[in-house]
């Protein structure tokens, strides 16, 4: 059973009993995916902004590209509130998951939010 370290930033921290930041370890079943983690947190997709796994960008607001990416024991997942945007000047050259790269090829250049309702 993998243990995932999760940090929730901004007003979604209350899903982890925090005020501005919540840090917790969550045990998930083997072969659990990002969507499993979000369900465990009861974190609605519409409140989730940028999502990183081990400092690699896995998702952007409204895109849900990496929901089926498998999590490994010891992974660190950082999830930001939809209300915390990421300045464009820091986006060029960011490391991204393969699933996010594919989704962005279909959705066009990186922007603040996407309308994909997968």
PDB file of N, CA and C in Angstrom:
ATOM      1  N   UNK A   1       0.840  -1.176   0.000  1.00  0.00           N
ATOM      2  CA  UNK A   1       0.000   0.000   0.000  1.00  0.00           C
ATOM      3  C   UNK A   1       0.890   1.245   0.000  1.00  0.00           C
ATOM      4  N   UNK A   2       0.853   2.020  -1.068  1.00  0.00           N
ATOM      5  CA  UNK A   2       1.717   3.199  -1.129  1.00  0.00           C
ATOM      6  C   UNK A   2       1.238   4.328  -0.211  1.00  0.00           C
ATOM      7  N   UNK A   3       2.187   5.039   0.346  1.00  0.00           N
ATOM      8  CA  UNK A   3       1.902   6.235   1.129  1.00  0.00           C
ATOM      9  C   UNK A   3       2.318   7.436   0.295  1.00  0.00           C
ATOM     10  N   UNK A   4       1.388   8.361   0.094  1.00  0.00           N
ATOM     11  CA  UNK A   4       1.606   9.544  -0.721  1.00  0.00           C
ATOM     12  C   UNK A   4       1.621  10.756   0.198  1.00  0.00           C
ATOM     13  N   UNK A   5       2.637  11.600   0.062  1.00  0.00           N
ATOM     14  CA  UNK A   5       2.701  12.842   0.818  1.00  0.00           C
ATOM     15  C   UNK A   5       2.007  13.918  -0.014  1.00  0.00           C
ATOM     16  N   UNK A   6       1.045  14.599   0.591  1.00  0.00           N
ATOM     17  CA  UNK A   6       0.227  15.577  -0.123  1.00  0.00           C
ATOM     18  C   UNK A   6       0.308  16.927   0.574  1.00  0.00           C
ATOM     19  N   UNK A   7       0.444  17.981  -0.226  1.00  0.00           N
ATOM     20  CA  UNK A   7       0.352  19.341   0.290  1.00  0.00           C
ATOM     21  C   UNK A   7      -0.730  20.057  -0.506  1.00  0.00           C
ATOM     22  N   UNK A   8      -1.671  20.639   0.209  1.00  0.00           N
ATOM     23  CA  UNK A   8      -2.750  21.424  -0.394  1.00  0.00           C
ATOM     24  C   UNK A   8      -2.480  22.893  -0.092  1.00  0.00           C
ATOM     25  N   UNK A   9      -2.511  23.722  -1.132  1.00  0.00           N
ATOM     26  CA  UNK A   9      -2.178  25.138  -0.987  1.00  0.00           C
ATOM     27  C   UNK A   9      -3.399  26.017  -1.235  1.00  0.00           C
ATOM     28  N   UNK A  10      -3.526  27.066  -0.440  1.00  0.00           N
ATOM     29  CA  UNK A  10      -4.606  28.031  -0.635  1.00  0.00           C
ATOM     30  C   UNK A  10      -5.879  27.577   0.040  1.00  0.00           C
ATOM     31  N   UNK A  11      -7.005  28.040  -0.486  1.00  0.00           N
ATOM     32  CA  UNK A  11      -8.274  27.778   0.186  1.00  0.00           C
ATOM     33  C   UNK A  11      -8.765  26.340   0.058  1.00  0.00           C
ATOM     34  N   UNK A  12      -8.034  25.473  -0.649  1.00  0.00           N
ATOM     35  CA  UNK A  12      -8.381  24.046  -0.646  1.00  0.00           C
ATOM     36  C   UNK A  12      -7.736  23.315   0.535  1.00  0.00           C
ATOM     37  N   UNK A  13      -6.925  24.026   1.312  1.00  0.00           N
ATOM     38  CA  UNK A  13      -6.253  23.410   2.461  1.00  0.00           C
ATOM     39  C   UNK A  13      -7.256  22.840   3.458  1.00  0.00           C
ATOM     40  N   UNK A  14      -8.472  23.358   3.474  1.00  0.00           N
ATOM     41  CA  UNK A  14      -9.461  22.835   4.424  1.00  0.00           C
ATOM     42  C   UNK A  14      -9.820  21.378   4.136  1.00  0.00           C
ATOM     43  N   UNK A  15      -9.550  20.888   2.917  1.00  0.00           N
ATOM     44  CA  UNK A  15      -9.774  19.466   2.622  1.00  0.00           C
ATOM     45  C   UNK A  15      -8.772  18.583   3.373  1.00  0.00           C
ATOM     46  N   UNK A  16      -7.717  19.194   3.891  1.00  0.00           N
ATOM     47  CA  UNK A  16      -6.736  18.484   4.707  1.00  0.00           C
ATOM     48  C   UNK A  16      -6.658  19.045   6.107  1.00  0.00           C
ATOM     49  N   UNK A  17      -7.719  19.707   6.542  1.00  0.00           N
ATOM     50  CA  UNK A  17      -7.823  20.286   7.886  1.00  0.00           C
ATOM     51  C   UNK A  17      -6.824  21.411   8.128  1.00  0.00           C
ATOM     52  N   UNK A  18      -6.437  22.112   7.083  1.00  0.00           N
ATOM     53  CA  UNK A  18      -5.547  23.252   7.226  1.00  0.00           C
ATOM     54  C   UNK A  18      -6.281  24.544   6.921  1.00  0.00           C
ATOM     55  N   UNK A  19      -5.586  25.665   7.139  1.00  0.00           N
ATOM     56  CA  UNK A  19      -6.181  26.965   6.832  1.00  0.00           C
ATOM     57  C   UNK A  19      -5.636  27.513   5.523  1.00  0.00           C
ATOM     58  N   UNK A  20      -4.323  27.596   5.378  1.00  0.00           N
ATOM     59  CA  UNK A  20      -3.702  28.096   4.153  1.00  0.00           C
ATOM     60  C   UNK A  20      -2.884  27.010   3.453  1.00  0.00           C
ATOM     61  N   UNK A  21      -2.352  26.098   4.251  1.00  0.00           N
ATOM     62  CA  UNK A  21      -1.570  24.964   3.746  1.00  0.00           C
ATOM     63  C   UNK A  21      -1.928  23.751   4.600  1.00  0.00           C
ATOM     64  N   UNK A  22      -2.072  22.617   3.952  1.00  0.00           N
ATOM     65  CA  UNK A  22      -2.283  21.365   4.678  1.00  0.00           C
ATOM     66  C   UNK A  22      -1.290  20.342   4.142  1.00  0.00           C
ATOM     67  N   UNK A  23      -0.590  19.672   5.039  1.00  0.00           N
ATOM     68  CA  UNK A  23       0.383  18.647   4.669  1.00  0.00           C
ATOM     69  C   UNK A  23      -0.023  17.352   5.354  1.00  0.00           C
ATOM     70  N   UNK A  24      -0.103  16.277   4.572  1.00  0.00           N
ATOM     71  CA  UNK A  24      -0.528  14.998   5.145  1.00  0.00           C
ATOM     72  C   UNK A  24       0.042  13.837   4.351  1.00  0.00           C
ATOM     73  N   UNK A  25       0.081  12.684   4.981  1.00  0.00           N
ATOM     74  CA  UNK A  25       0.416  11.430   4.314  1.00  0.00           C
ATOM     75  C   UNK A  25      -0.871  10.633   4.176  1.00  0.00           C
ATOM     76  N   UNK A  26      -1.099  10.094   2.981  1.00  0.00           N
ATOM     77  CA  UNK A  26      -2.317   9.337   2.704  1.00  0.00           C
ATOM     78  C   UNK A  26      -1.926   7.974   2.150  1.00  0.00           C
ATOM     79  N   UNK A  27      -2.472   6.928   2.742  1.00  0.00           N
ATOM     80  CA  UNK A  27      -2.272   5.566   2.246  1.00  0.00           C
ATOM     81  C   UNK A  27      -3.322   5.280   1.178  1.00  0.00           C
ATOM     82  N   UNK A  28      -2.864   4.792   0.040  1.00  0.00           N
ATOM     83  CA  UNK A  28      -3.745   4.469  -1.078  1.00  0.00           C
ATOM     84  C   UNK A  28      -3.543   3.014  -1.479  1.00  0.00           C
ATOM     85  N   UNK A  29      -4.515   2.427  -2.165  1.00  0.00           N
ATOM     86  CA  UNK A  29      -4.333   1.049  -2.640  1.00  0.00           C
ATOM     87  C   UNK A  29      -3.243   0.975  -3.710  1.00  0.00           C
ATOM     88  N   UNK A  30      -2.674  -0.200  -3.895  1.00  0.00           N
ATOM     89  CA  UNK A  30      -1.676  -0.404  -4.954  1.00  0.00           C
ATOM     90  C   UNK A  30      -2.252   0.022  -6.294  1.00  0.00           C
ATOM     91  N   UNK A  31      -1.396   0.596  -7.140  1.00  0.00           N
ATOM     92  CA  UNK A  31      -1.763   1.058  -8.490  1.00  0.00           C
ATOM     93  C   UNK A  31      -2.797   2.184  -8.461  1.00  0.00           C
ATOM     94  N   UNK A  32      -2.886   2.909  -7.344  1.00  0.00           N
ATOM     95  CA  UNK A  32      -3.803   4.047  -7.255  1.00  0.00           C
ATOM     96  C   UNK A  32      -3.351   5.136  -8.221  1.00  0.00           C
ATOM     97  N   UNK A  33      -4.307   5.861  -8.752  1.00  0.00           N
ATOM     98  CA  UNK A  33      -4.033   6.935  -9.700  1.00  0.00           C
ATOM     99  C   UNK A  33      -4.358   8.280  -9.048  1.00  0.00           C
ATOM    100  N   UNK A  34      -4.010   9.358  -9.725  1.00  0.00           N
ATOM    101  CA  UNK A  34      -4.264  10.693  -9.197  1.00  0.00           C
ATOM    102  C   UNK A  34      -5.740  10.878  -8.870  1.00  0.00           C
ATOM    103  N   UNK A  35      -6.623  10.382  -9.716  1.00  0.00           N
ATOM    104  CA  UNK A  35      -8.049  10.511  -9.466  1.00  0.00           C
ATOM    105  C   UNK A  35      -8.448   9.825  -8.151  1.00  0.00           C
ATOM    106  N   UNK A  36      -7.809   8.702  -7.823  1.00  0.00           N
ATOM    107  CA  UNK A  36      -8.061   8.011  -6.553  1.00  0.00           C
ATOM    108  C   UNK A  36      -7.712   8.926  -5.385  1.00  0.00           C
ATOM    109  N   UNK A  37      -6.586   9.604  -5.491  1.00  0.00           N
ATOM    110  CA  UNK A  37      -6.163  10.536  -4.445  1.00  0.00           C
ATOM    111  C   UNK A  37      -7.169  11.669  -4.294  1.00  0.00           C
ATOM    112  N   UNK A  38      -7.614  12.246  -5.418  1.00  0.00           N
ATOM    113  CA  UNK A  38      -8.573  13.350  -5.353  1.00  0.00           C
ATOM    114  C   UNK A  38      -9.885  12.897  -4.717  1.00  0.00           C
ATOM    115  N   UNK A  39     -10.315  11.680  -5.022  1.00  0.00           N
ATOM    116  CA  UNK A  39     -11.522  11.134  -4.399  1.00  0.00           C
ATOM    117  C   UNK A  39     -11.317  10.942  -2.894  1.00  0.00           C
ATOM    118  N   UNK A  40     -10.148  10.441  -2.509  1.00  0.00           N
ATOM    119  CA  UNK A  40      -9.839  10.235  -1.092  1.00  0.00           C
ATOM    120  C   UNK A  40      -9.877  11.559  -0.330  1.00  0.00           C
ATOM    121  N   UNK A  41      -9.436  12.629  -0.984  1.00  0.00           N
ATOM    122  CA  UNK A  41      -9.440  13.958  -0.369  1.00  0.00           C
ATOM    123  C   UNK A  41     -10.815  14.625  -0.442  1.00  0.00           C
ATOM    124  N   UNK A  42     -11.728  14.055  -1.236  1.00  0.00           N
ATOM    125  CA  UNK A  42     -13.033  14.683  -1.522  1.00  0.00           C
ATOM    126  C   UNK A  42     -12.848  16.064  -2.130  1.00  0.00           C
ATOM    127  N   UNK A  43     -11.818  16.189  -2.963  1.00  0.00           N
ATOM    128  CA  UNK A  43     -11.460  17.462  -3.585  1.00  0.00           C
ATOM    129  C   UNK A  43     -12.081  17.542  -4.979  1.00  0.00           C
ATOM    130  N   UNK A  44     -13.108  18.374  -5.161  1.00  0.00           N
ATOM    131  CA  UNK A  44     -13.741  18.486  -6.477  1.00  0.00           C
ATOM    132  C   UNK A  44     -12.774  19.041  -7.523  1.00  0.00           C
ATOM    133  N   UNK A  45     -12.860  18.520  -8.714  1.00  0.00           N
ATOM    134  CA  UNK A  45     -11.982  18.961  -9.807  1.00  0.00           C
ATOM    135  C   UNK A  45     -12.094  20.452 -10.068  1.00  0.00           C
ATOM    136  N   UNK A  46     -13.282  21.012  -9.895  1.00  0.00           N
ATOM    137  CA  UNK A  46     -13.468  22.435 -10.194  1.00  0.00           C
ATOM    138  C   UNK A  46     -12.747  23.341  -9.203  1.00  0.00           C
ATOM    139  N   UNK A  47     -12.288  22.822  -8.078  1.00  0.00           N
ATOM    140  CA  UNK A  47     -11.551  23.624  -7.105  1.00  0.00           C
ATOM    141  C   UNK A  47     -10.042  23.451  -7.224  1.00  0.00           C
ATOM    142  N   UNK A  48      -9.614  22.494  -8.023  1.00  0.00           N
ATOM    143  CA  UNK A  48      -8.206  22.151  -8.140  1.00  0.00           C
ATOM    144  C   UNK A  48      -7.552  22.930  -9.277  1.00  0.00           C
ATOM    145  N   UNK A  49      -6.420  23.537  -8.958  1.00  0.00           N
ATOM    146  CA  UNK A  49      -5.645  24.245  -9.972  1.00  0.00           C
ATOM    147  C   UNK A  49      -4.495  23.376 -10.451  1.00  0.00           C
ATOM    148  N   UNK A  50      -3.295  23.907 -10.403  1.00  0.00           N
ATOM    149  CA  UNK A  50      -2.114  23.169 -10.850  1.00  0.00           C
ATOM    150  C   UNK A  50      -1.801  22.036  -9.893  1.00  0.00           C
ATOM    151  N   UNK A  51      -1.386  20.903 -10.458  1.00  0.00           N
ATOM    152  CA  UNK A  51      -1.071  19.716  -9.672  1.00  0.00           C
ATOM    153  C   UNK A  51       0.308  19.215 -10.088  1.00  0.00           C
ATOM    154  N   UNK A  52       1.180  19.070  -9.105  1.00  0.00           N
ATOM    155  CA  UNK A  52       2.540  18.601  -9.330  1.00  0.00           C
ATOM    156  C   UNK A  52       2.730  17.260  -8.625  1.00  0.00           C
ATOM    157  N   UNK A  53       3.490  16.362  -9.241  1.00  0.00           N
ATOM    158  CA  UNK A  53       3.928  15.127  -8.602  1.00  0.00           C
ATOM    159  C   UNK A  53       5.449  15.131  -8.670  1.00  0.00           C
ATOM    160  N   UNK A  54       6.080  15.128  -7.510  1.00  0.00           N
ATOM    161  CA  UNK A  54       7.542  15.146  -7.429  1.00  0.00           C
ATOM    162  C   UNK A  54       8.142  16.282  -8.263  1.00  0.00           C
ATOM    163  N   UNK A  55       7.552  17.475  -8.136  1.00  0.00           N
ATOM    164  CA  UNK A  55       7.996  18.699  -8.805  1.00  0.00           C
ATOM    165  C   UNK A  55       7.842  18.667 -10.330  1.00  0.00           C
ATOM    166  N   UNK A  56       7.054  17.745 -10.847  1.00  0.00           N
ATOM    167  CA  UNK A  56       6.753  17.675 -12.278  1.00  0.00           C
ATOM    168  C   UNK A  56       5.282  18.051 -12.444  1.00  0.00           C
ATOM    169  N   UNK A  57       5.011  19.018 -13.312  1.00  0.00           N
ATOM    170  CA  UNK A  57       3.636  19.450 -13.539  1.00  0.00           C
ATOM    171  C   UNK A  57       2.850  18.328 -14.202  1.00  0.00           C
ATOM    172  N   UNK A  58       1.750  17.931 -13.566  1.00  0.00           N
ATOM    173  CA  UNK A  58       0.910  16.850 -14.082  1.00  0.00           C
ATOM    174  C   UNK A  58      -0.446  17.331 -14.553  1.00  0.00           C
ATOM    175  N   UNK A  59      -0.875  18.510 -14.105  1.00  0.00           N
ATOM    176  CA  UNK A  59      -2.184  18.979 -14.537  1.00  0.00           C
ATOM    177  C   UNK A  59      -2.314  20.476 -14.383  1.00  0.00           C
ATOM    178  N   UNK A  60      -3.241  21.032 -15.173  1.00  0.00           N
ATOM    179  CA  UNK A  60      -3.556  22.452 -15.154  1.00  0.00           C
ATOM    180  C   UNK A  60      -5.052  22.602 -14.897  1.00  0.00           C
ATOM    181  N   UNK A  61      -5.479  23.763 -14.422  1.00  0.00           N
ATOM    182  CA  UNK A  61      -6.886  23.953 -14.080  1.00  0.00           C
ATOM    183  C   UNK A  61      -7.830  23.626 -15.237  1.00  0.00           C
ATOM    184  N   UNK A  62      -8.783  22.732 -14.978  1.00  0.00           N
ATOM    185  CA  UNK A  62      -9.794  22.386 -15.965  1.00  0.00           C
ATOM    186  C   UNK A  62      -9.374  21.382 -17.004  1.00  0.00           C
ATOM    187  N   UNK A  63      -8.136  20.914 -16.977  1.00  0.00           N
ATOM    188  CA  UNK A  63      -7.664  20.005 -18.025  1.00  0.00           C
ATOM    189  C   UNK A  63      -7.838  18.539 -17.657  1.00  0.00           C
ATOM    190  N   UNK A  64      -7.548  18.142 -16.420  1.00  0.00           N
ATOM    191  CA  UNK A  64      -7.714  16.773 -15.934  1.00  0.00           C
ATOM    192  C   UNK A  64      -6.953  15.754 -16.773  1.00  0.00           C
ATOM    193  N   UNK A  65      -5.795  16.140 -17.249  1.00  0.00           N
ATOM    194  CA  UNK A  65      -5.014  15.312 -18.166  1.00  0.00           C
ATOM    195  C   UNK A  65      -4.394  14.096 -17.499  1.00  0.00           C
ATOM    196  N   UNK A  66      -4.030  14.207 -16.254  1.00  0.00           N
ATOM    197  CA  UNK A  66      -3.246  13.164 -15.598  1.00  0.00           C
ATOM    198  C   UNK A  66      -4.033  12.378 -14.566  1.00  0.00           C
ATOM    199  N   UNK A  67      -5.340  12.412 -14.644  1.00  0.00           N
ATOM    200  CA  UNK A  67      -6.146  11.760 -13.607  1.00  0.00           C
ATOM    201  C   UNK A  67      -5.900  10.263 -13.528  1.00  0.00           C
ATOM    202  N   UNK A  68      -5.398   9.649 -14.598  1.00  0.00           N
ATOM    203  CA  UNK A  68      -5.142   8.207 -14.590  1.00  0.00           C
ATOM    204  C   UNK A  68      -3.664   7.858 -14.434  1.00  0.00           C
ATOM    205  N   UNK A  69      -2.824   8.846 -14.111  1.00  0.00           N
ATOM    206  CA  UNK A  69      -1.405   8.579 -13.864  1.00  0.00           C
ATOM    207  C   UNK A  69      -1.256   7.852 -12.520  1.00  0.00           C
ATOM    208  N   UNK A  70      -0.493   6.771 -12.523  1.00  0.00           N
ATOM    209  CA  UNK A  70      -0.307   5.944 -11.328  1.00  0.00           C
ATOM    210  C   UNK A  70       0.652   6.630 -10.362  1.00  0.00           C
ATOM    211  N   UNK A  71       0.294   6.603  -9.074  1.00  0.00           N
ATOM    212  CA  UNK A  71       1.145   7.142  -8.014  1.00  0.00           C
ATOM    213  C   UNK A  71       1.971   6.024  -7.401  1.00  0.00           C
ATOM    214  N   UNK A  72       3.180   6.371  -6.982  1.00  0.00           N
ATOM    215  CA  UNK A  72       4.106   5.409  -6.386  1.00  0.00           C
ATOM    216  C   UNK A  72       4.332   5.745  -4.908  1.00  0.00           C
ATOM    217  N   UNK A  73       4.677   4.743  -4.128  1.00  0.00           N
ATOM    218  CA  UNK A  73       4.999   4.943  -2.725  1.00  0.00           C
ATOM    219  C   UNK A  73       6.060   6.043  -2.589  1.00  0.00           C
ATOM    220  N   UNK A  74       5.799   6.991  -1.695  1.00  0.00           N
ATOM    221  CA  UNK A  74       6.752   8.060  -1.437  1.00  0.00           C
ATOM    222  C   UNK A  74       6.599   9.277  -2.336  1.00  0.00           C
ATOM    223  N   UNK A  75       5.680   9.236  -3.310  1.00  0.00           N
ATOM    224  CA  UNK A  75       5.469  10.408  -4.163  1.00  0.00           C
ATOM    225  C   UNK A  75       5.009  11.587  -3.319  1.00  0.00           C
ATOM    226  N   UNK A  76       5.415  12.787  -3.746  1.00  0.00           N
ATOM    227  CA  UNK A  76       4.906  14.022  -3.146  1.00  0.00           C
ATOM    228  C   UNK A  76       4.003  14.686  -4.168  1.00  0.00           C
ATOM    229  N   UNK A  77       2.759  14.962  -3.783  1.00  0.00           N
ATOM    230  CA  UNK A  77       1.789  15.620  -4.653  1.00  0.00           C
ATOM    231  C   UNK A  77       1.467  16.975  -4.053  1.00  0.00           C
ATOM    232  N   UNK A  78       1.660  18.019  -4.848  1.00  0.00           N
ATOM    233  CA  UNK A  78       1.290  19.375  -4.454  1.00  0.00           C
ATOM    234  C   UNK A  78       0.119  19.819  -5.301  1.00  0.00           C
ATOM    235  N   UNK A  79      -0.945  20.271  -4.643  1.00  0.00           N
ATOM    236  CA  UNK A  79      -2.148  20.700  -5.359  1.00  0.00           C
ATOM    237  C   UNK A  79      -2.481  22.125  -4.923  1.00  0.00           C
ATOM    238  N   UNK A  80      -2.677  22.981  -5.914  1.00  0.00           N
ATOM    239  CA  UNK A  80      -2.983  24.383  -5.661  1.00  0.00           C
ATOM    240  C   UNK A  80      -4.455  24.666  -5.911  1.00  0.00           C
ATOM    241  N   UNK A  81      -4.981  25.624  -5.194  1.00  0.00           N
ATOM    242  CA  UNK A  81      -6.343  26.084  -5.402  1.00  0.00           C
ATOM    243  C   UNK A  81      -6.480  26.661  -6.812  1.00  0.00           C
ATOM    244  N   UNK A  82      -7.664  26.587  -7.368  1.00  0.00           N
ATOM    245  CA  UNK A  82      -7.943  27.168  -8.684  1.00  0.00           C
ATOM    246  C   UNK A  82      -7.713  28.679  -8.658  1.00  0.00           C
ATOM    247  N   UNK A  83      -7.779  29.268  -7.487  1.00  0.00           N
ATOM    248  CA  UNK A  83      -7.603  30.710  -7.369  1.00  0.00           C
ATOM    249  C   UNK A  83      -6.138  31.132  -7.260  1.00  0.00           C
ATOM    250  N   UNK A  84      -5.217  30.168  -7.319  1.00  0.00           N
ATOM    251  CA  UNK A  84      -3.789  30.479  -7.295  1.00  0.00           C
ATOM    252  C   UNK A  84      -3.209  30.192  -8.680  1.00  0.00           C
ATOM    253  N   UNK A  85      -3.039  31.223  -9.447  1.00  0.00           N
ATOM    254  CA  UNK A  85      -2.522  31.077 -10.807  1.00  0.00           C
ATOM    255  C   UNK A  85      -1.005  31.109 -10.792  1.00  0.00           C
ATOM    256  N   UNK A  86      -0.442  30.714 -11.880  1.00  0.00           N
ATOM    257  CA  UNK A  86       0.993  30.585 -12.008  1.00  0.00           C
ATOM    258  C   UNK A  86       1.458  31.538 -13.093  1.00  0.00           C
ATOM    259  N   UNK A  87       2.311  32.505 -12.798  1.00  0.00           N
ATOM    260  CA  UNK A  87       2.710  33.512 -13.787  1.00  0.00           C
ATOM    261  C   UNK A  87       3.320  32.884 -15.043  1.00  0.00           C
ATOM    262  N   UNK A  88       2.943  33.422 -16.185  1.00  0.00           N
ATOM    263  CA  UNK A  88       3.399  32.902 -17.475  1.00  0.00           C
ATOM    264  C   UNK A  88       4.917  32.837 -17.593  1.00  0.00           C
ATOM    265  N   UNK A  89       5.617  33.813 -17.026  1.00  0.00           N
ATOM    266  CA  UNK A  89       7.065  33.854 -17.222  1.00  0.00           C
ATOM    267  C   UNK A  89       7.778  32.641 -16.631  1.00  0.00           C
ATOM    268  N   UNK A  90       7.117  31.883 -15.751  1.00  0.00           N
ATOM    269  CA  UNK A  90       7.732  30.703 -15.167  1.00  0.00           C
ATOM    270  C   UNK A  90       7.349  29.413 -15.880  1.00  0.00           C
ATOM    271  N   UNK A  91       6.490  29.477 -16.862  1.00  0.00           N
ATOM    272  CA  UNK A  91       5.947  28.279 -17.477  1.00  0.00           C
ATOM    273  C   UNK A  91       6.831  27.673 -18.558  1.00  0.00           C
ATOM    274  N   UNK A  92       7.574  28.486 -19.268  1.00  0.00           N
ATOM    275  CA  UNK A  92       8.408  27.958 -20.353  1.00  0.00           C
ATOM    276  C   UNK A  92       9.446  26.986 -19.820  1.00  0.00           C
ATOM    277  N   UNK A  93       9.507  25.815 -20.403  1.00  0.00           N
ATOM    278  CA  UNK A  93      10.509  24.837 -20.042  1.00  0.00           C
ATOM    279  C   UNK A  93      10.193  24.021 -18.805  1.00  0.00           C
ATOM    280  N   UNK A  94       8.998  24.169 -18.245  1.00  0.00           N
ATOM    281  CA  UNK A  94       8.644  23.397 -17.047  1.00  0.00           C
ATOM    282  C   UNK A  94       8.578  21.915 -17.395  1.00  0.00           C
ATOM    283  N   UNK A  95       9.042  21.072 -16.490  1.00  0.00           N
ATOM    284  CA  UNK A  95       8.915  19.623 -16.698  1.00  0.00           C
ATOM    285  C   UNK A  95       7.461  19.230 -16.541  1.00  0.00           C
ATOM    286  N   UNK A  96       6.954  18.447 -17.510  1.00  0.00           N
ATOM    287  CA  UNK A  96       5.561  18.014 -17.497  1.00  0.00           C
ATOM    288  C   UNK A  96       5.481  16.509 -17.664  1.00  0.00           C
ATOM    289  N   UNK A  97       4.399  15.941 -17.132  1.00  0.00           N
ATOM    290  CA  UNK A  97       4.145  14.519 -17.341  1.00  0.00           C
ATOM    291  C   UNK A  97       3.806  14.283 -18.812  1.00  0.00           C
ATOM    292  N   UNK A  98       4.007  13.050 -19.267  1.00  0.00           N
ATOM    293  CA  UNK A  98       3.695  12.717 -20.655  1.00  0.00           C
ATOM    294  C   UNK A  98       2.211  12.914 -20.955  1.00  0.00           C
ATOM    295  N   UNK A  99       1.347  12.569 -20.007  1.00  0.00           N
ATOM    296  CA  UNK A  99      -0.090  12.722 -20.240  1.00  0.00           C
ATOM    297  C   UNK A  99      -0.476  14.196 -20.370  1.00  0.00           C
ATOM    298  N   UNK A 100       0.162  15.071 -19.611  1.00  0.00           N
ATOM    299  CA  UNK A 100      -0.120  16.497 -19.735  1.00  0.00           C
ATOM    300  C   UNK A 100       0.413  17.024 -21.061  1.00  0.00           C
ATOM    301  N   UNK A 101       1.588  16.592 -21.466  1.00  0.00           N
ATOM    302  CA  UNK A 101       2.123  17.015 -22.771  1.00  0.00           C
ATOM    303  C   UNK A 101       1.161  16.656 -23.900  1.00  0.00           C
ATOM    304  N   UNK A 102       0.629  15.431 -23.868  1.00  0.00           N
ATOM    305  CA  UNK A 102      -0.323  15.008 -24.908  1.00  0.00           C
ATOM    306  C   UNK A 102      -1.587  15.871 -24.874  1.00  0.00           C
ATOM    307  N   UNK A 103      -2.104  16.124 -23.693  1.00  0.00           N
ATOM    308  CA  UNK A 103      -3.325  16.935 -23.567  1.00  0.00           C
ATOM    309  C   UNK A 103      -3.085  18.358 -24.051  1.00  0.00           C
ATOM    310  N   UNK A 104      -1.913  18.886 -23.774  1.00  0.00           N
ATOM    311  CA  UNK A 104      -1.621  20.248 -24.206  1.00  0.00           C
ATOM    312  C   UNK A 104      -1.420  20.330 -25.715  1.00  0.00           C
ATOM    313  N   UNK A 105      -0.915  19.263 -26.311  1.00  0.00           N
ATOM    314  CA  UNK A 105      -0.813  19.243 -27.769  1.00  0.00           C
ATOM    315  C   UNK A 105      -2.202  19.346 -28.393  1.00  0.00           C
ATOM    316  N   UNK A 106      -3.192  18.727 -27.763  1.00  0.00           N
ATOM    317  CA  UNK A 106      -4.570  18.774 -28.258  1.00  0.00           C
ATOM    318  C   UNK A 106      -5.264  20.084 -27.910  1.00  0.00           C
ATOM    319  N   UNK A 107      -4.934  20.668 -26.755  1.00  0.00           N
ATOM    320  CA  UNK A 107      -5.635  21.855 -26.262  1.00  0.00           C
ATOM    321  C   UNK A 107      -4.982  23.165 -26.648  1.00  0.00           C
ATOM    322  N   UNK A 108      -3.783  23.121 -27.189  1.00  0.00           N
ATOM    323  CA  UNK A 108      -3.093  24.352 -27.556  1.00  0.00           C
ATOM    324  C   UNK A 108      -2.157  24.820 -26.465  1.00  0.00           C
ATOM    325  N   UNK A 109      -1.625  26.030 -26.616  1.00  0.00           N
ATOM    326  CA  UNK A 109      -0.631  26.544 -25.672  1.00  0.00           C
ATOM    327  C   UNK A 109      -1.168  26.633 -24.245  1.00  0.00           C
ATOM    328  N   UNK A 110      -0.243  26.625 -23.289  1.00  0.00           N
ATOM    329  CA  UNK A 110      -0.625  26.701 -21.884  1.00  0.00           C
ATOM    330  C   UNK A 110      -1.341  28.019 -21.616  1.00  0.00           C
ATOM    331  N   UNK A 111      -2.428  27.915 -20.864  1.00  0.00           N
ATOM    332  CA  UNK A 111      -3.160  29.094 -20.434  1.00  0.00           C
ATOM    333  C   UNK A 111      -3.630  28.877 -18.999  1.00  0.00           C
ATOM    334  N   UNK A 112      -4.317  29.845 -18.432  1.00  0.00           N
ATOM    335  CA  UNK A 112      -4.693  29.744 -17.022  1.00  0.00           C
ATOM    336  C   UNK A 112      -5.698  28.661 -16.722  1.00  0.00           C
ATOM    337  N   UNK A 113      -6.704  28.486 -17.583  1.00  0.00           N
ATOM    338  CA  UNK A 113      -7.706  27.450 -17.359  1.00  0.00           C
ATOM    339  C   UNK A 113      -8.110  26.825 -18.679  1.00  0.00           C
ATOM    340  N   UNK A 114      -8.688  25.648 -18.589  1.00  0.00           N
ATOM    341  CA  UNK A 114      -9.165  24.893 -19.743  1.00  0.00           C
ATOM    342  C   UNK A 114     -10.618  24.532 -19.502  1.00  0.00           C
ATOM    343  N   UNK A 115     -11.329  24.223 -20.571  1.00  0.00           N
ATOM    344  CA  UNK A 115     -12.739  23.893 -20.455  1.00  0.00           C
ATOM    345  C   UNK A 115     -13.000  22.410 -20.638  1.00  0.00           C
ATOM    346  N   UNK A 116     -11.958  21.584 -20.677  1.00  0.00           N
ATOM    347  CA  UNK A 116     -12.118  20.141 -20.858  1.00  0.00           C
ATOM    348  C   UNK A 116     -12.791  19.552 -19.636  1.00  0.00           C
ATOM    349  N   UNK A 117     -13.936  18.919 -19.790  1.00  0.00           N
ATOM    350  CA  UNK A 117     -14.694  18.387 -18.646  1.00  0.00           C
ATOM    351  C   UNK A 117     -14.580  16.863 -18.562  1.00  0.00           C
ATOM    352  N   UNK A 118     -13.433  16.272 -18.839  1.00  0.00           N
ATOM    353  CA  UNK A 118     -13.269  14.816 -18.775  1.00  0.00           C
ATOM    354  C   UNK A 118     -13.435  14.304 -17.380  1.00  0.00           C
TER     355      UNK A 118
END
